[in-house]
Each structure stands twice: as C-alpha cells, then as structure tokens.
Amino acid sequence: MLADLCSTGKVKIVFSLDHIKAGLLFSGQILDQLNVVCVKMDTFREFEHEMQCMPALFTAKNAGEEIGWEFVLKSMTASQQKIVHLIAEHQGEEGVLLEDLFSKCVERMLAHSQKNLKE
C-alpha cells in the first residue's frame, strides 16, 4: 500500500532502519516503487560494541534447540553453505558484487543463473 501511495508522486516517506536484516524487509520491486535511496551510515564502532545492542542471534535457544545462525547454516543445503562461505571469504569492507559472486559460484558449480544464486 505504501508503494502505491509513493508511486503517485504526491507522497514521500523518510525512514531509518537499524537492523541486521533490514535488507530483507522489502523486495526489489517494492524498493523501485518506493524510489528508495539507501544511505549507509556507519558508527565506526567495533563489531563487539554493535552486537551488544542485538539479540543473541548466534547463541539463542528455544526449549533447548538452537535458533540462531548455526541453526540456519545447518538447515541449508551443502551448496547454499558453500555460497555463504564464499560470501564471507570475499565480502571485504564494501561487500561482494553479485556479478563477482555469481562468477565464483559458476566456477565451482554452485549456481547456474543469477536467479538460482539469489534463491
């Protein structure tokens, strides 16, 4: 509904997101409709300081079961796990370009199309 309002050109929305999963909130189509401009604002604080404000994503438990990052990795296929490791190895400070990641995935036969890689 917000995207429809913004597409009229008469409504503008300003918002701020500060969450590790903020990029997953909107699809590319919705971002295009909203005409989103993303500005990365870094605190330049140490990673440990940043994580103090986040819930325990990496160690959370639910009735004795892991529900954090380790659980997510275990639920992935072997190819998906290898892709996550590739991202971690090559992301650097600026991240990794989709084209570069796709090229590495094709070389290692982990994905055959960019659509497949995104999925």
PDB file of N, CA and C in Angstrom:
ATOM      1  N   MET A   1       0.825  -1.180   0.000  1.00  0.00           N
ATOM      2  CA  MET A   1       0.000   0.000   0.000  1.00  0.00           C
ATOM      3  C   MET A   1       0.881   1.260   0.000  1.00  0.00           C
ATOM      4  N   LEU A   2       1.978   1.226   0.789  1.00  0.00           N
ATOM      5  CA  LEU A   2       2.880   2.374   0.813  1.00  0.00           C
ATOM      6  C   LEU A   2       3.495   2.623  -0.561  1.00  0.00           C
ATOM      7  N   ALA A   3       3.863   1.534  -1.240  1.00  0.00           N
ATOM      8  CA  ALA A   3       4.462   1.670  -2.569  1.00  0.00           C
ATOM      9  C   ALA A   3       3.474   2.315  -3.532  1.00  0.00           C
ATOM     10  N   ASP A   4       2.204   1.943  -3.456  1.00  0.00           N
ATOM     11  CA  ASP A   4       1.188   2.547  -4.318  1.00  0.00           C
ATOM     12  C   ASP A   4       1.041   4.039  -4.031  1.00  0.00           C
ATOM     13  N   LEU A   5       1.044   4.400  -2.755  1.00  0.00           N
ATOM     14  CA  LEU A   5       0.951   5.811  -2.381  1.00  0.00           C
ATOM     15  C   LEU A   5       2.145   6.602  -2.900  1.00  0.00           C
ATOM     16  N   CYS A   6       3.337   6.043  -2.735  1.00  0.00           N
ATOM     17  CA  CYS A   6       4.548   6.740  -3.171  1.00  0.00           C
ATOM     18  C   CYS A   6       4.631   6.861  -4.679  1.00  0.00           C
ATOM     19  N   SER A   7       4.060   5.903  -5.398  1.00  0.00           N
ATOM     20  CA  SER A   7       4.131   5.938  -6.855  1.00  0.00           C
ATOM     21  C   SER A   7       3.291   7.064  -7.447  1.00  0.00           C
ATOM     22  N   THR A   8       2.394   7.662  -6.663  1.00  0.00           N
ATOM     23  CA  THR A   8       1.602   8.796  -7.153  1.00  0.00           C
ATOM     24  C   THR A   8       2.459  10.037  -7.300  1.00  0.00           C
ATOM     25  N   GLY A   9       3.584  10.090  -6.600  1.00  0.00           N
ATOM     26  CA  GLY A   9       4.459  11.254  -6.658  1.00  0.00           C
ATOM     27  C   GLY A   9       4.063  12.344  -5.679  1.00  0.00           C
ATOM     28  N   LYS A  10       2.947  12.171  -5.000  1.00  0.00           N
ATOM     29  CA  LYS A  10       2.469  13.184  -4.058  1.00  0.00           C
ATOM     30  C   LYS A  10       2.819  12.839  -2.613  1.00  0.00           C
ATOM     31  N   VAL A  11       3.275  11.624  -2.382  1.00  0.00           N
ATOM     32  CA  VAL A  11       3.598  11.181  -1.031  1.00  0.00           C
ATOM     33  C   VAL A  11       5.073  10.811  -0.987  1.00  0.00           C
ATOM     34  N   LYS A  12       5.767  11.302   0.007  1.00  0.00           N
ATOM     35  CA  LYS A  12       7.173  10.959   0.210  1.00  0.00           C
ATOM     36  C   LYS A  12       7.319  10.436   1.626  1.00  0.00           C
ATOM     37  N   ILE A  13       8.141   9.416   1.798  1.00  0.00           N
ATOM     38  CA  ILE A  13       8.355   8.804   3.105  1.00  0.00           C
ATOM     39  C   ILE A  13       9.849   8.827   3.409  1.00  0.00           C
ATOM     40  N   VAL A  14      10.174   9.212   4.627  1.00  0.00           N
ATOM     41  CA  VAL A  14      11.549   9.159   5.097  1.00  0.00           C
ATOM     42  C   VAL A  14      11.571   8.181   6.256  1.00  0.00           C
ATOM     43  N   PHE A  15      12.473   7.209   6.188  1.00  0.00           N
ATOM     44  CA  PHE A  15      12.563   6.249   7.283  1.00  0.00           C
ATOM     45  C   PHE A  15      13.997   5.814   7.478  1.00  0.00           C
ATOM     46  N   SER A  16      14.234   5.256   8.638  1.00  0.00           N
ATOM     47  CA  SER A  16      15.553   4.782   9.001  1.00  0.00           C
ATOM     48  C   SER A  16      15.424   3.367   9.540  1.00  0.00           C
ATOM     49  N   LEU A  17      16.317   2.490   9.126  1.00  0.00           N
ATOM     50  CA  LEU A  17      16.330   1.114   9.610  1.00  0.00           C
ATOM     51  C   LEU A  17      17.690   0.822  10.211  1.00  0.00           C
ATOM     52  N   ASP A  18      17.680   0.242  11.368  1.00  0.00           N
ATOM     53  CA  ASP A  18      18.931  -0.140  12.019  1.00  0.00           C
ATOM     54  C   ASP A  18      18.772  -1.571  12.504  1.00  0.00           C
ATOM     55  N   HIS A  19      18.887  -2.487  11.567  1.00  0.00           N
ATOM     56  CA  HIS A  19      18.736  -3.896  11.905  1.00  0.00           C
ATOM     57  C   HIS A  19      19.548  -4.715  10.921  1.00  0.00           C
ATOM     58  N   ILE A  20      20.122  -5.798  11.398  1.00  0.00           N
ATOM     59  CA  ILE A  20      20.971  -6.635  10.565  1.00  0.00           C
ATOM     60  C   ILE A  20      20.219  -7.224   9.372  1.00  0.00           C
ATOM     61  N   LYS A  21      18.896  -7.382   9.505  1.00  0.00           N
ATOM     62  CA  LYS A  21      18.092  -7.966   8.423  1.00  0.00           C
ATOM     63  C   LYS A  21      17.271  -6.919   7.674  1.00  0.00           C
ATOM     64  N   ALA A  22      17.627  -5.660   7.780  1.00  0.00           N
ATOM     65  CA  ALA A  22      16.868  -4.586   7.150  1.00  0.00           C
ATOM     66  C   ALA A  22      16.756  -4.783   5.638  1.00  0.00           C
ATOM     67  N   GLY A  23      17.790  -5.318   5.015  1.00  0.00           N
ATOM     68  CA  GLY A  23      17.775  -5.524   3.569  1.00  0.00           C
ATOM     69  C   GLY A  23      16.755  -6.537   3.102  1.00  0.00           C
ATOM     70  N   LEU A  24      16.239  -7.342   4.002  1.00  0.00           N
ATOM     71  CA  LEU A  24      15.263  -8.360   3.639  1.00  0.00           C
ATOM     72  C   LEU A  24      13.820  -7.879   3.772  1.00  0.00           C
ATOM     73  N   LEU A  25      13.645  -6.656   4.267  1.00  0.00           N
ATOM     74  CA  LEU A  25      12.307  -6.154   4.550  1.00  0.00           C
ATOM     75  C   LEU A  25      11.487  -5.919   3.285  1.00  0.00           C
ATOM     76  N   PHE A  26      12.111  -5.395   2.236  1.00  0.00           N
ATOM     77  CA  PHE A  26      11.402  -5.059   1.010  1.00  0.00           C
ATOM     78  C   PHE A  26      11.987  -5.808  -0.181  1.00  0.00           C
ATOM     79  N   SER A  27      11.137  -6.170  -1.127  1.00  0.00           N
ATOM     80  CA  SER A  27      11.611  -6.789  -2.366  1.00  0.00           C
ATOM     81  C   SER A  27      12.172  -5.695  -3.269  1.00  0.00           C
ATOM     82  N   GLY A  28      12.916  -6.097  -4.281  1.00  0.00           N
ATOM     83  CA  GLY A  28      13.464  -5.143  -5.244  1.00  0.00           C
ATOM     84  C   GLY A  28      12.379  -4.352  -5.945  1.00  0.00           C
ATOM     85  N   GLN A  29      11.268  -5.009  -6.251  1.00  0.00           N
ATOM     86  CA  GLN A  29      10.147  -4.341  -6.925  1.00  0.00           C
ATOM     87  C   GLN A  29       9.559  -3.249  -6.025  1.00  0.00           C
ATOM     88  N   ILE A  30       9.382  -3.562  -4.755  1.00  0.00           N
ATOM     89  CA  ILE A  30       8.840  -2.575  -3.817  1.00  0.00           C
ATOM     90  C   ILE A  30       9.815  -1.412  -3.658  1.00  0.00           C
ATOM     91  N   LEU A  31      11.117  -1.711  -3.567  1.00  0.00           N
ATOM     92  CA  LEU A  31      12.117  -0.650  -3.448  1.00  0.00           C
ATOM     93  C   LEU A  31      12.077   0.273  -4.655  1.00  0.00           C
ATOM     94  N   ASP A  32      11.890  -0.302  -5.854  1.00  0.00           N
ATOM     95  CA  ASP A  32      11.779   0.514  -7.062  1.00  0.00           C
ATOM     96  C   ASP A  32      10.536   1.395  -7.005  1.00  0.00           C
ATOM     97  N   GLN A  33       9.422   0.815  -6.578  1.00  0.00           N
ATOM     98  CA  GLN A  33       8.180   1.587  -6.496  1.00  0.00           C
ATOM     99  C   GLN A  33       8.294   2.714  -5.462  1.00  0.00           C
ATOM    100  N   LEU A  34       8.957   2.433  -4.359  1.00  0.00           N
ATOM    101  CA  LEU A  34       9.130   3.438  -3.325  1.00  0.00           C
ATOM    102  C   LEU A  34      10.190   4.467  -3.689  1.00  0.00           C
ATOM    103  N   ASN A  35      10.957   4.178  -4.746  1.00  0.00           N
ATOM    104  CA  ASN A  35      12.050   5.054  -5.170  1.00  0.00           C
ATOM    105  C   ASN A  35      13.010   5.299  -4.001  1.00  0.00           C
ATOM    106  N   VAL A  36      13.440   4.199  -3.394  1.00  0.00           N
ATOM    107  CA  VAL A  36      14.261   4.245  -2.193  1.00  0.00           C
ATOM    108  C   VAL A  36      15.685   4.688  -2.515  1.00  0.00           C
ATOM    109  N   VAL A  37      16.203   5.547  -1.680  1.00  0.00           N
ATOM    110  CA  VAL A  37      17.605   5.929  -1.724  1.00  0.00           C
ATOM    111  C   VAL A  37      18.226   5.411  -0.430  1.00  0.00           C
ATOM    112  N   CYS A  38      19.170   4.491  -0.551  1.00  0.00           N
ATOM    113  CA  CYS A  38      19.804   3.912   0.636  1.00  0.00           C
ATOM    114  C   CYS A  38      21.100   4.651   0.929  1.00  0.00           C
ATOM    115  N   VAL A  39      21.262   5.045   2.164  1.00  0.00           N
ATOM    116  CA  VAL A  39      22.485   5.704   2.604  1.00  0.00           C
ATOM    117  C   VAL A  39      23.012   4.920   3.790  1.00  0.00           C
ATOM    118  N   LYS A  40      24.184   4.360   3.626  1.00  0.00           N
ATOM    119  CA  LYS A  40      24.797   3.591   4.715  1.00  0.00           C
ATOM    120  C   LYS A  40      25.436   4.572   5.688  1.00  0.00           C
ATOM    121  N   MET A  41      25.022   4.476   6.922  1.00  0.00           N
ATOM    122  CA  MET A  41      25.567   5.337   7.974  1.00  0.00           C
ATOM    123  C   MET A  41      26.301   4.442   8.952  1.00  0.00           C
ATOM    124  N   ASP A  42      27.585   4.585   9.014  1.00  0.00           N
ATOM    125  CA  ASP A  42      28.406   3.728   9.862  1.00  0.00           C
ATOM    126  C   ASP A  42      28.739   4.439  11.164  1.00  0.00           C
ATOM    127  N   THR A  43      28.710   3.694  12.258  1.00  0.00           N
ATOM    128  CA  THR A  43      29.073   4.266  13.558  1.00  0.00           C
ATOM    129  C   THR A  43      30.574   4.229  13.783  1.00  0.00           C
ATOM    130  N   PHE A  44      31.269   3.417  12.995  1.00  0.00           N
ATOM    131  CA  PHE A  44      32.705   3.223  13.123  1.00  0.00           C
ATOM    132  C   PHE A  44      33.087   2.676  14.500  1.00  0.00           C
ATOM    133  N   ARG A  45      32.148   2.018  15.141  1.00  0.00           N
ATOM    134  CA  ARG A  45      32.426   1.371  16.418  1.00  0.00           C
ATOM    135  C   ARG A  45      32.857  -0.065  16.150  1.00  0.00           C
ATOM    136  N   GLU A  46      33.471  -0.690  17.132  1.00  0.00           N
ATOM    137  CA  GLU A  46      33.913  -2.066  16.997  1.00  0.00           C
ATOM    138  C   GLU A  46      32.703  -2.987  16.876  1.00  0.00           C
ATOM    139  N   PHE A  47      32.886  -4.113  16.203  1.00  0.00           N
ATOM    140  CA  PHE A  47      31.814  -5.085  15.994  1.00  0.00           C
ATOM    141  C   PHE A  47      31.203  -5.527  17.322  1.00  0.00           C
ATOM    142  N   GLU A  48      32.038  -5.750  18.315  1.00  0.00           N
ATOM    143  CA  GLU A  48      31.549  -6.204  19.621  1.00  0.00           C
ATOM    144  C   GLU A  48      30.582  -5.183  20.228  1.00  0.00           C
ATOM    145  N   HIS A  49      30.894  -3.904  20.071  1.00  0.00           N
ATOM    146  CA  HIS A  49      30.013  -2.855  20.587  1.00  0.00           C
ATOM    147  C   HIS A  49      28.674  -2.868  19.848  1.00  0.00           C
ATOM    148  N   GLU A  50      28.720  -3.005  18.533  1.00  0.00           N
ATOM    149  CA  GLU A  50      27.491  -3.036  17.735  1.00  0.00           C
ATOM    150  C   GLU A  50      26.610  -4.216  18.140  1.00  0.00           C
ATOM    151  N   MET A  51      27.226  -5.346  18.400  1.00  0.00           N
ATOM    152  CA  MET A  51      26.457  -6.554  18.711  1.00  0.00           C
ATOM    153  C   MET A  51      25.861  -6.530  20.120  1.00  0.00           C
ATOM    154  N   GLN A  52      26.317  -5.642  20.983  1.00  0.00           N
ATOM    155  CA  GLN A  52      25.746  -5.546  22.320  1.00  0.00           C
ATOM    156  C   GLN A  52      24.274  -5.149  22.270  1.00  0.00           C
ATOM    157  N   CYS A  53      23.894  -4.435  21.228  1.00  0.00           N
ATOM    158  CA  CYS A  53      22.511  -3.965  21.104  1.00  0.00           C
ATOM    159  C   CYS A  53      21.618  -4.980  20.398  1.00  0.00           C
ATOM    160  N   MET A  54      22.190  -6.014  19.843  1.00  0.00           N
ATOM    161  CA  MET A  54      21.426  -7.015  19.096  1.00  0.00           C
ATOM    162  C   MET A  54      21.089  -8.190  19.994  1.00  0.00           C
ATOM    163  N   PRO A  55      19.957  -8.840  19.729  1.00  0.00           N
ATOM    164  CA  PRO A  55      19.668 -10.057  20.490  1.00  0.00           C
ATOM    165  C   PRO A  55      20.710 -11.125  20.160  1.00  0.00           C
ATOM    166  N   ALA A  56      20.771 -12.127  20.962  1.00  0.00           N
ATOM    167  CA  ALA A  56      21.781 -13.175  20.796  1.00  0.00           C
ATOM    168  C   ALA A  56      21.440 -14.053  19.601  1.00  0.00           C
ATOM    169  N   LEU A  57      21.694 -13.550  18.410  1.00  0.00           N
ATOM    170  CA  LEU A  57      21.353 -14.293  17.189  1.00  0.00           C
ATOM    171  C   LEU A  57      22.164 -15.571  17.045  1.00  0.00           C
ATOM    172  N   PHE A  58      23.374 -15.549  17.563  1.00  0.00           N
ATOM    173  CA  PHE A  58      24.281 -16.653  17.323  1.00  0.00           C
ATOM    174  C   PHE A  58      24.210 -17.731  18.393  1.00  0.00           C
ATOM    175  N   THR A  59      23.563 -17.433  19.492  1.00  0.00           N
ATOM    176  CA  THR A  59      23.535 -18.406  20.583  1.00  0.00           C
ATOM    177  C   THR A  59      22.144 -18.611  21.152  1.00  0.00           C
ATOM    178  N   ALA A  60      21.123 -18.028  20.538  1.00  0.00           N
ATOM    179  CA  ALA A  60      19.767 -18.124  21.094  1.00  0.00           C
ATOM    180  C   ALA A  60      19.288 -19.572  21.119  1.00  0.00           C
ATOM    181  N   LYS A  61      18.501 -19.875  22.122  1.00  0.00           N
ATOM    182  CA  LYS A  61      17.965 -21.225  22.272  1.00  0.00           C
ATOM    183  C   LYS A  61      16.464 -21.126  22.496  1.00  0.00           C
ATOM    184  N   ASN A  62      15.762 -22.121  22.024  1.00  0.00           N
ATOM    185  CA  ASN A  62      14.323 -22.198  22.217  1.00  0.00           C
ATOM    186  C   ASN A  62      14.011 -23.604  22.695  1.00  0.00           C
ATOM    187  N   ALA A  63      13.635 -23.748  23.949  1.00  0.00           N
ATOM    188  CA  ALA A  63      13.343 -25.060  24.538  1.00  0.00           C
ATOM    189  C   ALA A  63      14.506 -26.025  24.288  1.00  0.00           C
ATOM    190  N   GLY A  64      15.735 -25.529  24.441  1.00  0.00           N
ATOM    191  CA  GLY A  64      16.906 -26.378  24.293  1.00  0.00           C
ATOM    192  C   GLY A  64      17.394 -26.525  22.860  1.00  0.00           C
ATOM    193  N   GLU A  65      16.673 -25.961  21.888  1.00  0.00           N
ATOM    194  CA  GLU A  65      17.088 -26.072  20.488  1.00  0.00           C
ATOM    195  C   GLU A  65      17.723 -24.766  20.030  1.00  0.00           C
ATOM    196  N   GLU A  66      18.716 -24.876  19.167  1.00  0.00           N
ATOM    197  CA  GLU A  66      19.364 -23.682  18.644  1.00  0.00           C
ATOM    198  C   GLU A  66      18.443 -23.020  17.635  1.00  0.00           C
ATOM    199  N   ILE A  67      18.341 -21.691  17.716  1.00  0.00           N
ATOM    200  CA  ILE A  67      17.526 -20.967  16.746  1.00  0.00           C
ATOM    201  C   ILE A  67      18.313 -19.837  16.097  1.00  0.00           C
ATOM    202  N   GLY A  68      19.622 -19.812  16.319  1.00  0.00           N
ATOM    203  CA  GLY A  68      20.455 -18.744  15.787  1.00  0.00           C
ATOM    204  C   GLY A  68      21.074 -19.097  14.449  1.00  0.00           C
ATOM    205  N   TRP A  69      22.164 -18.393  14.145  1.00  0.00           N
ATOM    206  CA  TRP A  69      22.863 -18.526  12.857  1.00  0.00           C
ATOM    207  C   TRP A  69      23.325 -19.963  12.613  1.00  0.00           C
ATOM    208  N   GLU A  70      23.806 -20.634  13.650  1.00  0.00           N
ATOM    209  CA  GLU A  70      24.276 -22.006  13.494  1.00  0.00           C
ATOM    210  C   GLU A  70      23.140 -22.913  13.011  1.00  0.00           C
ATOM    211  N   PHE A  71      21.954 -22.712  13.560  1.00  0.00           N
ATOM    212  CA  PHE A  71      20.786 -23.491  13.143  1.00  0.00           C
ATOM    213  C   PHE A  71      20.448 -23.219  11.680  1.00  0.00           C
ATOM    214  N   VAL A  72      20.522 -21.954  11.296  1.00  0.00           N
ATOM    215  CA  VAL A  72      20.225 -21.587   9.906  1.00  0.00           C
ATOM    216  C   VAL A  72      21.217 -22.266   8.966  1.00  0.00           C
ATOM    217  N   LEU A  73      22.507 -22.219   9.300  1.00  0.00           N
ATOM    218  CA  LEU A  73      23.511 -22.870   8.455  1.00  0.00           C
ATOM    219  C   LEU A  73      23.267 -24.373   8.335  1.00  0.00           C
ATOM    220  N   LYS A  74      22.900 -24.994   9.449  1.00  0.00           N
ATOM    221  CA  LYS A  74      22.647 -26.435   9.418  1.00  0.00           C
ATOM    222  C   LYS A  74      21.439 -26.786   8.556  1.00  0.00           C
ATOM    223  N   SER A  75      20.499 -25.857   8.422  1.00  0.00           N
ATOM    224  CA  SER A  75      19.300 -26.132   7.650  1.00  0.00           C
ATOM    225  C   SER A  75      19.509 -25.931   6.145  1.00  0.00           C
ATOM    226  N   MET A  76      20.651 -25.385   5.748  1.00  0.00           N
ATOM    227  CA  MET A  76      20.946 -25.130   4.338  1.00  0.00           C
ATOM    228  C   MET A  76      21.493 -26.372   3.658  1.00  0.00           C
ATOM    229  N   THR A  77      21.339 -26.384   2.338  1.00  0.00           N
ATOM    230  CA  THR A  77      21.960 -27.455   1.550  1.00  0.00           C
ATOM    231  C   THR A  77      23.466 -27.229   1.532  1.00  0.00           C
ATOM    232  N   ALA A  78      24.205 -28.228   1.096  1.00  0.00           N
ATOM    233  CA  ALA A  78      25.665 -28.101   1.029  1.00  0.00           C
ATOM    234  C   ALA A  78      26.071 -26.960   0.089  1.00  0.00           C
ATOM    235  N   SER A  79      25.389 -26.821  -1.035  1.00  0.00           N
ATOM    236  CA  SER A  79      25.694 -25.740  -1.984  1.00  0.00           C
ATOM    237  C   SER A  79      25.428 -24.378  -1.366  1.00  0.00           C
ATOM    238  N   GLN A  80      24.309 -24.251  -0.662  1.00  0.00           N
ATOM    239  CA  GLN A  80      23.986 -22.985  -0.019  1.00  0.00           C
ATOM    240  C   GLN A  80      25.040 -22.636   1.029  1.00  0.00           C
ATOM    241  N   GLN A  81      25.488 -23.615   1.780  1.00  0.00           N
ATOM    242  CA  GLN A  81      26.527 -23.377   2.788  1.00  0.00           C
ATOM    243  C   GLN A  81      27.820 -22.906   2.116  1.00  0.00           C
ATOM    244  N   LYS A  82      28.175 -23.522   0.991  1.00  0.00           N
ATOM    245  CA  LYS A  82      29.388 -23.124   0.279  1.00  0.00           C
ATOM    246  C   LYS A  82      29.271 -21.705  -0.243  1.00  0.00           C
ATOM    247  N   ILE A  83      28.078 -21.306  -0.687  1.00  0.00           N
ATOM    248  CA  ILE A  83      27.866 -19.941  -1.168  1.00  0.00           C
ATOM    249  C   ILE A  83      28.026 -18.948  -0.021  1.00  0.00           C
ATOM    250  N   VAL A  84      27.482 -19.269   1.139  1.00  0.00           N
ATOM    251  CA  VAL A  84      27.644 -18.400   2.319  1.00  0.00           C
ATOM    252  C   VAL A  84      29.126 -18.264   2.664  1.00  0.00           C
ATOM    253  N   HIS A  85      29.865 -19.355   2.597  1.00  0.00           N
ATOM    254  CA  HIS A  85      31.308 -19.304   2.878  1.00  0.00           C
ATOM    255  C   HIS A  85      32.029 -18.452   1.836  1.00  0.00           C
ATOM    256  N   LEU A  86      31.623 -18.556   0.568  1.00  0.00           N
ATOM    257  CA  LEU A  86      32.220 -17.717  -0.478  1.00  0.00           C
ATOM    258  C   LEU A  86      31.985 -16.246  -0.186  1.00  0.00           C
ATOM    259  N   ILE A  87      30.762 -15.907   0.206  1.00  0.00           N
ATOM    260  CA  ILE A  87      30.444 -14.514   0.537  1.00  0.00           C
ATOM    261  C   ILE A  87      31.327 -14.048   1.690  1.00  0.00           C
ATOM    262  N   ALA A  88      31.436 -14.865   2.722  1.00  0.00           N
ATOM    263  CA  ALA A  88      32.241 -14.499   3.890  1.00  0.00           C
ATOM    264  C   ALA A  88      33.704 -14.308   3.514  1.00  0.00           C
ATOM    265  N   GLU A  89      34.221 -15.145   2.624  1.00  0.00           N
ATOM    266  CA  GLU A  89      35.629 -15.063   2.228  1.00  0.00           C
ATOM    267  C   GLU A  89      35.930 -13.831   1.385  1.00  0.00           C
ATOM    268  N   HIS A  90      34.964 -13.404   0.554  1.00  0.00           N
ATOM    269  CA  HIS A  90      35.252 -12.376  -0.445  1.00  0.00           C
ATOM    270  C   HIS A  90      34.521 -11.051  -0.217  1.00  0.00           C
ATOM    271  N   GLN A  91      33.799 -10.885   0.872  1.00  0.00           N
ATOM    272  CA  GLN A  91      32.986  -9.683   1.006  1.00  0.00           C
ATOM    273  C   GLN A  91      33.792  -8.420   1.264  1.00  0.00           C
ATOM    274  N   GLY A  92      34.853  -8.461   2.026  1.00  0.00           N
ATOM    275  CA  GLY A  92      35.635  -7.263   2.307  1.00  0.00           C
ATOM    276  C   GLY A  92      34.786  -6.205   2.987  1.00  0.00           C
ATOM    277  N   GLU A  93      35.301  -4.981   3.056  1.00  0.00           N
ATOM    278  CA  GLU A  93      34.577  -3.898   3.722  1.00  0.00           C
ATOM    279  C   GLU A  93      33.402  -3.406   2.896  1.00  0.00           C
ATOM    280  N   GLU A  94      33.506  -3.480   1.589  1.00  0.00           N
ATOM    281  CA  GLU A  94      32.469  -2.958   0.704  1.00  0.00           C
ATOM    282  C   GLU A  94      31.476  -4.023   0.257  1.00  0.00           C
ATOM    283  N   GLY A  95      31.613  -5.240   0.752  1.00  0.00           N
ATOM    284  CA  GLY A  95      30.720  -6.307   0.311  1.00  0.00           C
ATOM    285  C   GLY A  95      31.281  -6.990  -0.925  1.00  0.00           C
ATOM    286  N   VAL A  96      30.475  -7.808  -1.546  1.00  0.00           N
ATOM    287  CA  VAL A  96      30.885  -8.508  -2.755  1.00  0.00           C
ATOM    288  C   VAL A  96      29.851  -8.219  -3.839  1.00  0.00           C
ATOM    289  N   LEU A  97      30.327  -7.919  -5.033  1.00  0.00           N
ATOM    290  CA  LEU A  97      29.413  -7.655  -6.135  1.00  0.00           C
ATOM    291  C   LEU A  97      28.728  -8.948  -6.559  1.00  0.00           C
ATOM    292  N   LEU A  98      27.455  -8.850  -6.897  1.00  0.00           N
ATOM    293  CA  LEU A  98      26.683 -10.019  -7.307  1.00  0.00           C
ATOM    294  C   LEU A  98      27.348 -10.703  -8.500  1.00  0.00           C
ATOM    295  N   GLU A  99      27.841  -9.918  -9.450  1.00  0.00           N
ATOM    296  CA  GLU A  99      28.472 -10.489 -10.644  1.00  0.00           C
ATOM    297  C   GLU A  99      29.712 -11.299 -10.277  1.00  0.00           C
ATOM    298  N   ASP A 100      30.507 -10.774  -9.348  1.00  0.00           N
ATOM    299  CA  ASP A 100      31.709 -11.484  -8.915  1.00  0.00           C
ATOM    300  C   ASP A 100      31.348 -12.771  -8.176  1.00  0.00           C
ATOM    301  N   LEU A 101      30.364 -12.678  -7.297  1.00  0.00           N
ATOM    302  CA  LEU A 101      29.910 -13.856  -6.565  1.00  0.00           C
ATOM    303  C   LEU A 101      29.357 -14.890  -7.527  1.00  0.00           C
ATOM    304  N   PHE A 102      28.557 -14.447  -8.493  1.00  0.00           N
ATOM    305  CA  PHE A 102      27.974 -15.367  -9.476  1.00  0.00           C
ATOM    306  C   PHE A 102      29.069 -16.068 -10.266  1.00  0.00           C
ATOM    307  N   SER A 103      30.085 -15.328 -10.682  1.00  0.00           N
ATOM    308  CA  SER A 103      31.197 -15.913 -11.427  1.00  0.00           C
ATOM    309  C   SER A 103      31.891 -17.007 -10.627  1.00  0.00           C
ATOM    310  N   LYS A 104      32.144 -16.739  -9.350  1.00  0.00           N
ATOM    311  CA  LYS A 104      32.792 -17.736  -8.489  1.00  0.00           C
ATOM    312  C   LYS A 104      31.894 -18.960  -8.284  1.00  0.00           C
ATOM    313  N   CYS A 105      30.589 -18.720  -8.176  1.00  0.00           N
ATOM    314  CA  CYS A 105      29.643 -19.828  -7.990  1.00  0.00           C
ATOM    315  C   CYS A 105      29.556 -20.699  -9.239  1.00  0.00           C
ATOM    316  N   VAL A 106      29.604 -20.079 -10.416  1.00  0.00           N
ATOM    317  CA  VAL A 106      29.582 -20.850 -11.669  1.00  0.00           C
ATOM    318  C   VAL A 106      30.848 -21.688 -11.774  1.00  0.00           C
ATOM    319  N   GLU A 107      32.001 -21.081 -11.453  1.00  0.00           N
ATOM    320  CA  GLU A 107      33.275 -21.806 -11.497  1.00  0.00           C
ATOM    321  C   GLU A 107      33.236 -23.051 -10.616  1.00  0.00           C
ATOM    322  N   ARG A 108      32.576 -22.926  -9.470  1.00  0.00           N
ATOM    323  CA  ARG A 108      32.531 -24.043  -8.519  1.00  0.00           C
ATOM    324  C   ARG A 108      31.255 -24.862  -8.631  1.00  0.00           C
ATOM    325  N   MET A 109      30.470 -24.592  -9.678  1.00  0.00           N
ATOM    326  CA  MET A 109      29.223 -25.311  -9.971  1.00  0.00           C
ATOM    327  C   MET A 109      28.252 -25.282  -8.784  1.00  0.00           C
ATOM    328  N   LEU A 110      28.110 -24.088  -8.173  1.00  0.00           N
ATOM    329  CA  LEU A 110      27.195 -23.921  -7.052  1.00  0.00           C
ATOM    330  C   LEU A 110      25.884 -23.275  -7.488  1.00  0.00           C
ATOM    331  N   ALA A 111      25.907 -22.536  -8.593  1.00  0.00           N
ATOM    332  CA  ALA A 111      24.716 -21.899  -9.130  1.00  0.00           C
ATOM    333  C   ALA A 111      24.870 -21.776 -10.638  1.00  0.00           C
ATOM    334  N   HIS A 112      23.764 -21.890 -11.367  1.00  0.00           N
ATOM    335  CA  HIS A 112      23.834 -21.834 -12.834  1.00  0.00           C
ATOM    336  C   HIS A 112      23.198 -20.575 -13.411  1.00  0.00           C
ATOM    337  N   SER A 113      22.537 -19.761 -12.576  1.00  0.00           N
ATOM    338  CA  SER A 113      21.978 -18.491 -13.020  1.00  0.00           C
ATOM    339  C   SER A 113      21.933 -17.548 -11.824  1.00  0.00           C
ATOM    340  N   GLN A 114      21.829 -16.262 -12.115  1.00  0.00           N
ATOM    341  CA  GLN A 114      21.748 -15.302 -11.014  1.00  0.00           C
ATOM    342  C   GLN A 114      20.459 -15.503 -10.221  1.00  0.00           C
ATOM    343  N   LYS A 115      19.396 -15.885 -10.900  1.00  0.00           N
ATOM    344  CA  LYS A 115      18.138 -16.158 -10.208  1.00  0.00           C
ATOM    345  C   LYS A 115      18.333 -17.318  -9.233  1.00  0.00           C
ATOM    346  N   ASN A 116      19.008 -18.349  -9.707  1.00  0.00           N
ATOM    347  CA  ASN A 116      19.303 -19.509  -8.871  1.00  0.00           C
ATOM    348  C   ASN A 116      20.158 -19.100  -7.667  1.00  0.00           C
ATOM    349  N   LEU A 117      21.136 -18.238  -7.892  1.00  0.00           N
ATOM    350  CA  LEU A 117      22.012 -17.762  -6.824  1.00  0.00           C
ATOM    351  C   LEU A 117      21.213 -16.986  -5.783  1.00  0.00           C
ATOM    352  N   LYS A 118      20.333 -16.107  -6.213  1.00  0.00           N
ATOM    353  CA  LYS A 118      19.533 -15.309  -5.290  1.00  0.00           C
ATOM    354  C   LYS A 118      18.604 -16.192  -4.458  1.00  0.00           C
ATOM    355  N   GLU A 119      18.081 -17.234  -5.074  1.00  0.00           N
ATOM    356  CA  GLU A 119      17.200 -18.145  -4.333  1.00  0.00           C
ATOM    357  C   GLU A 119      17.982 -18.905  -3.284  1.00  0.00           C
TER     358      GLU A 119
END
